[in-house]
Amino acid sequence: MRTRTFSEEEKTELKQKMKEAGWPMLMEQGLMHMSISKLTNEVGIGKSTFYNFYSSKEEFVEEMLDENRRYLLKSLKEGLDGRDKYSSDEAKALICNMICDANNVYKHFSVEDEAALRKMYEKNGSAYPNIDREKQVIDFLVSLMSGVKKDLDYAVISNLMKIIVLTSENREILHEEGYTRTKDALVELLLNMVFEESDESAEQ
């Protein structure tokens, strides 16, 4: 059977179509349960064609996640609308929204999903989670924000962000009566790790 050769323009278009079809599947089903067959059927290509572009489902998902990260960071920068930085209050609200947003894709990830990504990274000789990449993302974020501490503990900040998401993922095993207060306490701890104490808070 003759294998079709795609032009670079066709490759770019097909990859974009796969991402557009794949993102809602990832949000609804997570990595492990999303179906490549369903994805390729929706795009109108054969399943084997998918593997001409990606070596695995994990690689495809990671590319979508990376593209989503770049889109969010670009949106934050554009949101300044000519200003140098967000105020501390604006920055705190942005961080809360990013982590606690129902559309945060990591809220839809299972332990198995995370393990699959870790296995892919280890196979490629990379660490997962990747503290260097997370440091780059955090540094970019705080470069847009006022009132940030000089010496940030990147590992703790990254861990707290993940714990907040995990708290949401595992809400059913927590005491519902204290869920909101627990989440708020974790967010407050995260903000205290990132931002200098305001003059108003210092006076209290």
C-alpha atoms as a PDB file:
ATOM      1  CA  MET A   1       0.000   0.000   0.000  1.00  0.00           C
ATOM      2  CA  ARG A   2       1.422   3.361  -1.020  1.00  0.00           C
ATOM      3  CA  THR A   3       1.952   5.881   1.774  1.00  0.00           C
ATOM      4  CA  ARG A   4       0.687   9.359   1.004  1.00  0.00           C
ATOM      5  CA  THR A   5       3.199  12.194   1.196  1.00  0.00           C
ATOM      6  CA  PHE A   6       1.926  15.404   2.767  1.00  0.00           C
ATOM      7  CA  SER A   7       3.232  18.856   1.926  1.00  0.00           C
ATOM      8  CA  GLU A   8       4.453  21.026   4.807  1.00  0.00           C
ATOM      9  CA  GLU A   9       1.300  23.123   4.506  1.00  0.00           C
ATOM     10  CA  GLU A  10      -0.880  19.998   4.710  1.00  0.00           C
ATOM     11  CA  LYS A  11       1.087  18.731   7.709  1.00  0.00           C
ATOM     12  CA  THR A  12       0.597  22.020   9.556  1.00  0.00           C
ATOM     13  CA  GLU A  13      -3.117  22.059   8.733  1.00  0.00           C
ATOM     14  CA  LEU A  14      -3.657  18.435   9.798  1.00  0.00           C
ATOM     15  CA  LYS A  15      -1.781  18.889  13.065  1.00  0.00           C
ATOM     16  CA  GLN A  16      -3.902  21.928  13.852  1.00  0.00           C
ATOM     17  CA  LYS A  17      -7.101  20.000  13.085  1.00  0.00           C
ATOM     18  CA  MET A  18      -5.969  17.167  15.348  1.00  0.00           C
ATOM     19  CA  LYS A  19      -5.285  19.599  18.190  1.00  0.00           C
ATOM     20  CA  GLU A  20      -8.654  21.292  17.738  1.00  0.00           C
ATOM     21  CA  ALA A  21     -10.366  17.898  17.921  1.00  0.00           C
ATOM     22  CA  GLY A  22      -8.070  16.547  20.624  1.00  0.00           C
ATOM     23  CA  TRP A  23      -8.295  19.347  23.179  1.00  0.00           C
ATOM     24  CA  PRO A  24     -11.963  18.831  24.153  1.00  0.00           C
ATOM     25  CA  MET A  25     -11.332  15.070  24.297  1.00  0.00           C
ATOM     26  CA  LEU A  26      -8.412  15.647  26.659  1.00  0.00           C
ATOM     27  CA  MET A  27     -10.490  17.957  28.845  1.00  0.00           C
ATOM     28  CA  GLU A  28     -13.358  15.479  29.009  1.00  0.00           C
ATOM     29  CA  GLN A  29     -11.558  12.136  29.165  1.00  0.00           C
ATOM     30  CA  GLY A  30      -7.959  12.754  30.183  1.00  0.00           C
ATOM     31  CA  LEU A  31      -4.898  11.371  28.427  1.00  0.00           C
ATOM     32  CA  MET A  32      -5.333   7.657  29.033  1.00  0.00           C
ATOM     33  CA  HIS A  33      -8.965   7.455  27.947  1.00  0.00           C
ATOM     34  CA  MET A  34      -8.948   9.719  24.904  1.00  0.00           C
ATOM     35  CA  SER A  35      -9.192   7.666  21.729  1.00  0.00           C
ATOM     36  CA  ILE A  36      -6.786   8.145  18.828  1.00  0.00           C
ATOM     37  CA  SER A  37      -9.212   6.278  16.571  1.00  0.00           C
ATOM     38  CA  LYS A  38     -12.017   8.689  17.459  1.00  0.00           C
ATOM     39  CA  LEU A  39      -9.662  11.623  16.994  1.00  0.00           C
ATOM     40  CA  THR A  40      -8.512  10.548  13.524  1.00  0.00           C
ATOM     41  CA  ASN A  41     -12.074   9.709  12.452  1.00  0.00           C
ATOM     42  CA  GLU A  42     -13.164  13.200  13.422  1.00  0.00           C
ATOM     43  CA  VAL A  43     -10.316  14.748  11.458  1.00  0.00           C
ATOM     44  CA  GLY A  44     -10.919  12.455   8.489  1.00  0.00           C
ATOM     45  CA  ILE A  45      -7.613  10.591   8.384  1.00  0.00           C
ATOM     46  CA  GLY A  46      -6.545   7.019   9.067  1.00  0.00           C
ATOM     47  CA  LYS A  47      -5.180   6.055  12.478  1.00  0.00           C
ATOM     48  CA  SER A  48      -1.818   5.152  10.944  1.00  0.00           C
ATOM     49  CA  THR A  49      -1.521   8.724   9.638  1.00  0.00           C
ATOM     50  CA  PHE A  50      -1.521  10.012  13.221  1.00  0.00           C
ATOM     51  CA  TYR A  51       1.696   8.096  13.841  1.00  0.00           C
ATOM     52  CA  ASN A  52       3.324   9.825  10.875  1.00  0.00           C
ATOM     53  CA  PHE A  53       3.130  12.979  12.989  1.00  0.00           C
ATOM     54  CA  TYR A  54       3.509  11.721  16.558  1.00  0.00           C
ATOM     55  CA  SER A  55       5.297   8.708  17.992  1.00  0.00           C
ATOM     56  CA  SER A  56       2.703   8.327  20.759  1.00  0.00           C
ATOM     57  CA  LYS A  57      -0.476   9.753  22.241  1.00  0.00           C
ATOM     58  CA  GLU A  58       1.639  11.152  25.086  1.00  0.00           C
ATOM     59  CA  GLU A  59       3.781  13.146  22.643  1.00  0.00           C
ATOM     60  CA  PHE A  60       0.642  14.552  21.020  1.00  0.00           C
ATOM     61  CA  VAL A  61      -0.829  15.561  24.381  1.00  0.00           C
ATOM     62  CA  GLU A  62       2.422  17.166  25.525  1.00  0.00           C
ATOM     63  CA  GLU A  63       2.548  19.256  22.339  1.00  0.00           C
ATOM     64  CA  MET A  64      -1.012  20.434  23.011  1.00  0.00           C
ATOM     65  CA  LEU A  65      -0.121  21.286  26.616  1.00  0.00           C
ATOM     66  CA  ASP A  66       2.979  23.194  25.531  1.00  0.00           C
ATOM     67  CA  GLU A  67       1.001  25.145  22.934  1.00  0.00           C
ATOM     68  CA  ASN A  68      -1.639  25.955  25.545  1.00  0.00           C
ATOM     69  CA  ARG A  69       1.024  27.219  27.971  1.00  0.00           C
ATOM     70  CA  ARG A  70       2.482  29.504  25.299  1.00  0.00           C
ATOM     71  CA  TYR A  71      -1.000  30.807  24.431  1.00  0.00           C
ATOM     72  CA  LEU A  72      -1.786  31.602  28.081  1.00  0.00           C
ATOM     73  CA  LEU A  73       1.517  33.400  28.628  1.00  0.00           C
ATOM     74  CA  LYS A  74       1.044  35.393  25.434  1.00  0.00           C
ATOM     75  CA  SER A  75      -2.492  36.333  26.519  1.00  0.00           C
ATOM     76  CA  LEU A  76      -1.209  37.541  29.894  1.00  0.00           C
ATOM     77  CA  LYS A  77       1.408  39.728  28.239  1.00  0.00           C
ATOM     78  CA  GLU A  78      -1.115  41.158  25.791  1.00  0.00           C
ATOM     79  CA  GLY A  79      -3.480  41.823  28.701  1.00  0.00           C
ATOM     80  CA  LEU A  80      -1.104  44.485  30.020  1.00  0.00           C
ATOM     81  CA  ASP A  81      -2.237  46.627  27.072  1.00  0.00           C
ATOM     82  CA  GLY A  82       0.867  48.813  27.072  1.00  0.00           C
ATOM     83  CA  ARG A  83       1.535  48.835  30.823  1.00  0.00           C
ATOM     84  CA  ASP A  84       4.803  47.497  32.245  1.00  0.00           C
ATOM     85  CA  LYS A  85       3.330  45.242  34.930  1.00  0.00           C
ATOM     86  CA  TYR A  86       0.141  44.080  36.597  1.00  0.00           C
ATOM     87  CA  SER A  87      -0.460  45.515  40.066  1.00  0.00           C
ATOM     88  CA  SER A  88      -0.027  43.124  42.987  1.00  0.00           C
ATOM     89  CA  ASP A  89      -3.794  42.783  43.418  1.00  0.00           C
ATOM     90  CA  GLU A  90      -4.296  42.133  39.706  1.00  0.00           C
ATOM     91  CA  ALA A  91      -1.441  39.613  39.704  1.00  0.00           C
ATOM     92  CA  LYS A  92      -2.834  37.725  42.691  1.00  0.00           C
ATOM     93  CA  ALA A  93      -6.242  37.524  41.019  1.00  0.00           C
ATOM     94  CA  LEU A  94      -4.651  36.238  37.803  1.00  0.00           C
ATOM     95  CA  ILE A  95      -2.762  33.502  39.652  1.00  0.00           C
ATOM     96  CA  CYS A  96      -5.906  32.443  41.504  1.00  0.00           C
ATOM     97  CA  ASN A  97      -7.895  32.330  38.274  1.00  0.00           C
ATOM     98  CA  MET A  98      -5.251  30.327  36.416  1.00  0.00           C
ATOM     99  CA  ILE A  99      -4.941  27.673  39.106  1.00  0.00           C
ATOM    100  CA  CYS A 100      -8.556  27.433  40.235  1.00  0.00           C
ATOM    101  CA  ASP A 101     -10.171  27.861  36.809  1.00  0.00           C
ATOM    102  CA  ALA A 102     -12.483  24.966  35.938  1.00  0.00           C
ATOM    103  CA  ASN A 103     -10.885  24.968  32.476  1.00  0.00           C
ATOM    104  CA  ASN A 104      -7.443  24.173  33.877  1.00  0.00           C
ATOM    105  CA  VAL A 105      -6.641  21.004  31.925  1.00  0.00           C
ATOM    106  CA  TYR A 106      -4.605  19.493  34.760  1.00  0.00           C
ATOM    107  CA  LYS A 107      -7.779  19.241  36.835  1.00  0.00           C
ATOM    108  CA  HIS A 108      -8.857  16.568  34.360  1.00  0.00           C
ATOM    109  CA  PHE A 109      -5.643  14.571  34.674  1.00  0.00           C
ATOM    110  CA  SER A 110      -5.523  11.317  36.626  1.00  0.00           C
ATOM    111  CA  VAL A 111      -2.570   9.720  38.385  1.00  0.00           C
ATOM    112  CA  GLU A 112      -2.346   7.371  35.392  1.00  0.00           C
ATOM    113  CA  ASP A 113      -2.193  10.329  32.989  1.00  0.00           C
ATOM    114  CA  GLU A 114       0.685  11.878  34.927  1.00  0.00           C
ATOM    115  CA  ALA A 115       2.468   8.515  35.043  1.00  0.00           C
ATOM    116  CA  ALA A 116       2.160   8.156  31.259  1.00  0.00           C
ATOM    117  CA  LEU A 117       3.742  11.572  30.683  1.00  0.00           C
ATOM    118  CA  ARG A 118       6.497  10.786  33.181  1.00  0.00           C
ATOM    119  CA  LYS A 119       7.256   7.523  31.387  1.00  0.00           C
ATOM    120  CA  MET A 120       7.500   9.347  28.053  1.00  0.00           C
ATOM    121  CA  TYR A 121       9.918  11.916  29.478  1.00  0.00           C
ATOM    122  CA  GLU A 122      12.058   9.258  31.148  1.00  0.00           C
ATOM    123  CA  LYS A 123      12.203   7.322  27.879  1.00  0.00           C
ATOM    124  CA  ASN A 124      13.527  10.480  26.225  1.00  0.00           C
ATOM    125  CA  GLY A 125      16.070  10.979  29.009  1.00  0.00           C
ATOM    126  CA  SER A 126      14.306  13.989  30.561  1.00  0.00           C
ATOM    127  CA  ALA A 127      13.038  14.689  34.055  1.00  0.00           C
ATOM    128  CA  TYR A 128       9.325  14.922  34.834  1.00  0.00           C
ATOM    129  CA  PRO A 129       8.256  17.209  36.314  1.00  0.00           C
ATOM    130  CA  ASN A 130      10.879  19.478  34.713  1.00  0.00           C
ATOM    131  CA  ILE A 131      11.900  22.119  37.255  1.00  0.00           C
ATOM    132  CA  ASP A 132      13.955  24.059  34.672  1.00  0.00           C
ATOM    133  CA  ARG A 133      10.948  24.509  32.392  1.00  0.00           C
ATOM    134  CA  GLU A 134       8.685  25.335  35.331  1.00  0.00           C
ATOM    135  CA  LYS A 135      11.228  27.923  36.528  1.00  0.00           C
ATOM    136  CA  GLN A 136      11.155  29.546  33.079  1.00  0.00           C
ATOM    137  CA  VAL A 137       7.358  29.742  33.143  1.00  0.00           C
ATOM    138  CA  ILE A 138       7.289  31.163  36.683  1.00  0.00           C
ATOM    139  CA  ASP A 139      10.007  33.705  35.833  1.00  0.00           C
ATOM    140  CA  PHE A 140       8.028  34.868  32.804  1.00  0.00           C
ATOM    141  CA  LEU A 141       4.849  35.177  34.860  1.00  0.00           C
ATOM    142  CA  VAL A 142       6.418  37.172  37.677  1.00  0.00           C
ATOM    143  CA  SER A 143       8.230  39.436  35.191  1.00  0.00           C
ATOM    144  CA  LEU A 144       4.774  40.807  34.360  1.00  0.00           C
ATOM    145  CA  MET A 145       3.814  41.382  38.000  1.00  0.00           C
ATOM    146  CA  SER A 146       4.512  44.001  40.670  1.00  0.00           C
ATOM    147  CA  GLY A 147       5.404  43.259  44.287  1.00  0.00           C
ATOM    148  CA  VAL A 148       7.138  39.921  43.665  1.00  0.00           C
ATOM    149  CA  LYS A 149       9.757  38.632  46.111  1.00  0.00           C
ATOM    150  CA  LYS A 150      13.357  38.651  44.927  1.00  0.00           C
ATOM    151  CA  ASP A 151      14.338  35.098  45.866  1.00  0.00           C
ATOM    152  CA  LEU A 152      11.623  32.647  44.849  1.00  0.00           C
ATOM    153  CA  ASP A 153      11.567  29.018  45.927  1.00  0.00           C
ATOM    154  CA  TYR A 154      10.585  27.595  42.546  1.00  0.00           C
ATOM    155  CA  ALA A 155      10.197  23.995  43.687  1.00  0.00           C
ATOM    156  CA  VAL A 156       7.835  24.909  46.538  1.00  0.00           C
ATOM    157  CA  ILE A 157       5.835  27.328  44.370  1.00  0.00           C
ATOM    158  CA  SER A 158       5.462  24.692  41.652  1.00  0.00           C
ATOM    159  CA  ASN A 159       4.498  22.047  44.213  1.00  0.00           C
ATOM    160  CA  LEU A 160       1.873  24.305  45.787  1.00  0.00           C
ATOM    161  CA  MET A 161       0.322  24.997  42.389  1.00  0.00           C
ATOM    162  CA  LYS A 162       0.083  21.251  41.768  1.00  0.00           C
ATOM    163  CA  ILE A 163      -1.302  20.567  45.245  1.00  0.00           C
ATOM    164  CA  ILE A 164      -4.081  23.122  44.670  1.00  0.00           C
ATOM    165  CA  VAL A 165      -4.998  21.392  41.405  1.00  0.00           C
ATOM    166  CA  LEU A 166      -4.805  17.957  43.079  1.00  0.00           C
ATOM    167  CA  THR A 167      -7.100  19.234  45.837  1.00  0.00           C
ATOM    168  CA  SER A 168      -9.693  20.048  43.189  1.00  0.00           C
ATOM    169  CA  GLU A 169      -9.151  16.722  41.389  1.00  0.00           C
ATOM    170  CA  ASN A 170      -9.686  14.758  44.594  1.00  0.00           C
ATOM    171  CA  ARG A 171     -12.476  16.820  46.081  1.00  0.00           C
ATOM    172  CA  GLU A 172     -14.631  13.724  46.622  1.00  0.00           C
ATOM    173  CA  ILE A 173     -12.242  12.311  49.253  1.00  0.00           C
ATOM    174  CA  LEU A 174     -12.054  15.587  51.206  1.00  0.00           C
ATOM    175  CA  HIS A 175     -14.465  16.983  53.787  1.00  0.00           C
ATOM    176  CA  GLU A 176     -16.831  19.019  51.630  1.00  0.00           C
ATOM    177  CA  GLU A 177     -17.661  21.356  54.522  1.00  0.00           C
ATOM    178  CA  GLY A 178     -14.036  22.486  54.648  1.00  0.00           C
ATOM    179  CA  TYR A 179     -13.133  22.226  50.962  1.00  0.00           C
ATOM    180  CA  THR A 180     -13.378  25.926  50.061  1.00  0.00           C
ATOM    181  CA  ARG A 181     -11.448  27.006  53.170  1.00  0.00           C
ATOM    182  CA  THR A 182      -8.776  24.412  52.444  1.00  0.00           C
ATOM    183  CA  LYS A 183      -8.373  25.621  48.861  1.00  0.00           C
ATOM    184  CA  ASP A 184      -8.336  29.271  49.969  1.00  0.00           C
ATOM    185  CA  ALA A 185      -5.674  28.500  52.594  1.00  0.00           C
ATOM    186  CA  LEU A 186      -3.466  26.809  49.989  1.00  0.00           C
ATOM    187  CA  VAL A 187      -3.889  29.707  47.557  1.00  0.00           C
ATOM    188  CA  GLU A 188      -3.029  32.189  50.298  1.00  0.00           C
ATOM    189  CA  LEU A 189       0.097  30.186  51.153  1.00  0.00           C
ATOM    190  CA  LEU A 190       1.108  30.221  47.480  1.00  0.00           C
ATOM    191  CA  LEU A 191       0.576  33.981  47.193  1.00  0.00           C
ATOM    192  CA  ASN A 192       2.659  34.536  50.334  1.00  0.00           C
ATOM    193  CA  MET A 193       5.484  32.562  48.689  1.00  0.00           C
ATOM    194  CA  VAL A 194       5.394  34.807  45.605  1.00  0.00           C
ATOM    195  CA  PHE A 195       4.541  38.332  46.758  1.00  0.00           C
ATOM    196  CA  GLU A 196       6.075  40.742  49.228  1.00  0.00           C
ATOM    197  CA  GLU A 197       3.931  41.590  52.225  1.00  0.00           C
ATOM    198  CA  SER A 198       1.880  44.682  51.471  1.00  0.00           C
ATOM    199  CA  ASP A 199       2.218  47.757  53.687  1.00  0.00           C
ATOM    200  CA  GLU A 200      -1.439  47.356  54.681  1.00  0.00           C
ATOM    201  CA  SER A 201      -0.853  43.758  55.812  1.00  0.00           C
ATOM    202  CA  ALA A 202       2.312  44.717  57.687  1.00  0.00           C
ATOM    203  CA  GLU A 203       0.424  47.303  59.728  1.00  0.00           C
ATOM    204  CA  GLN A 204      -2.199  44.778  60.903  1.00  0.00           C
END
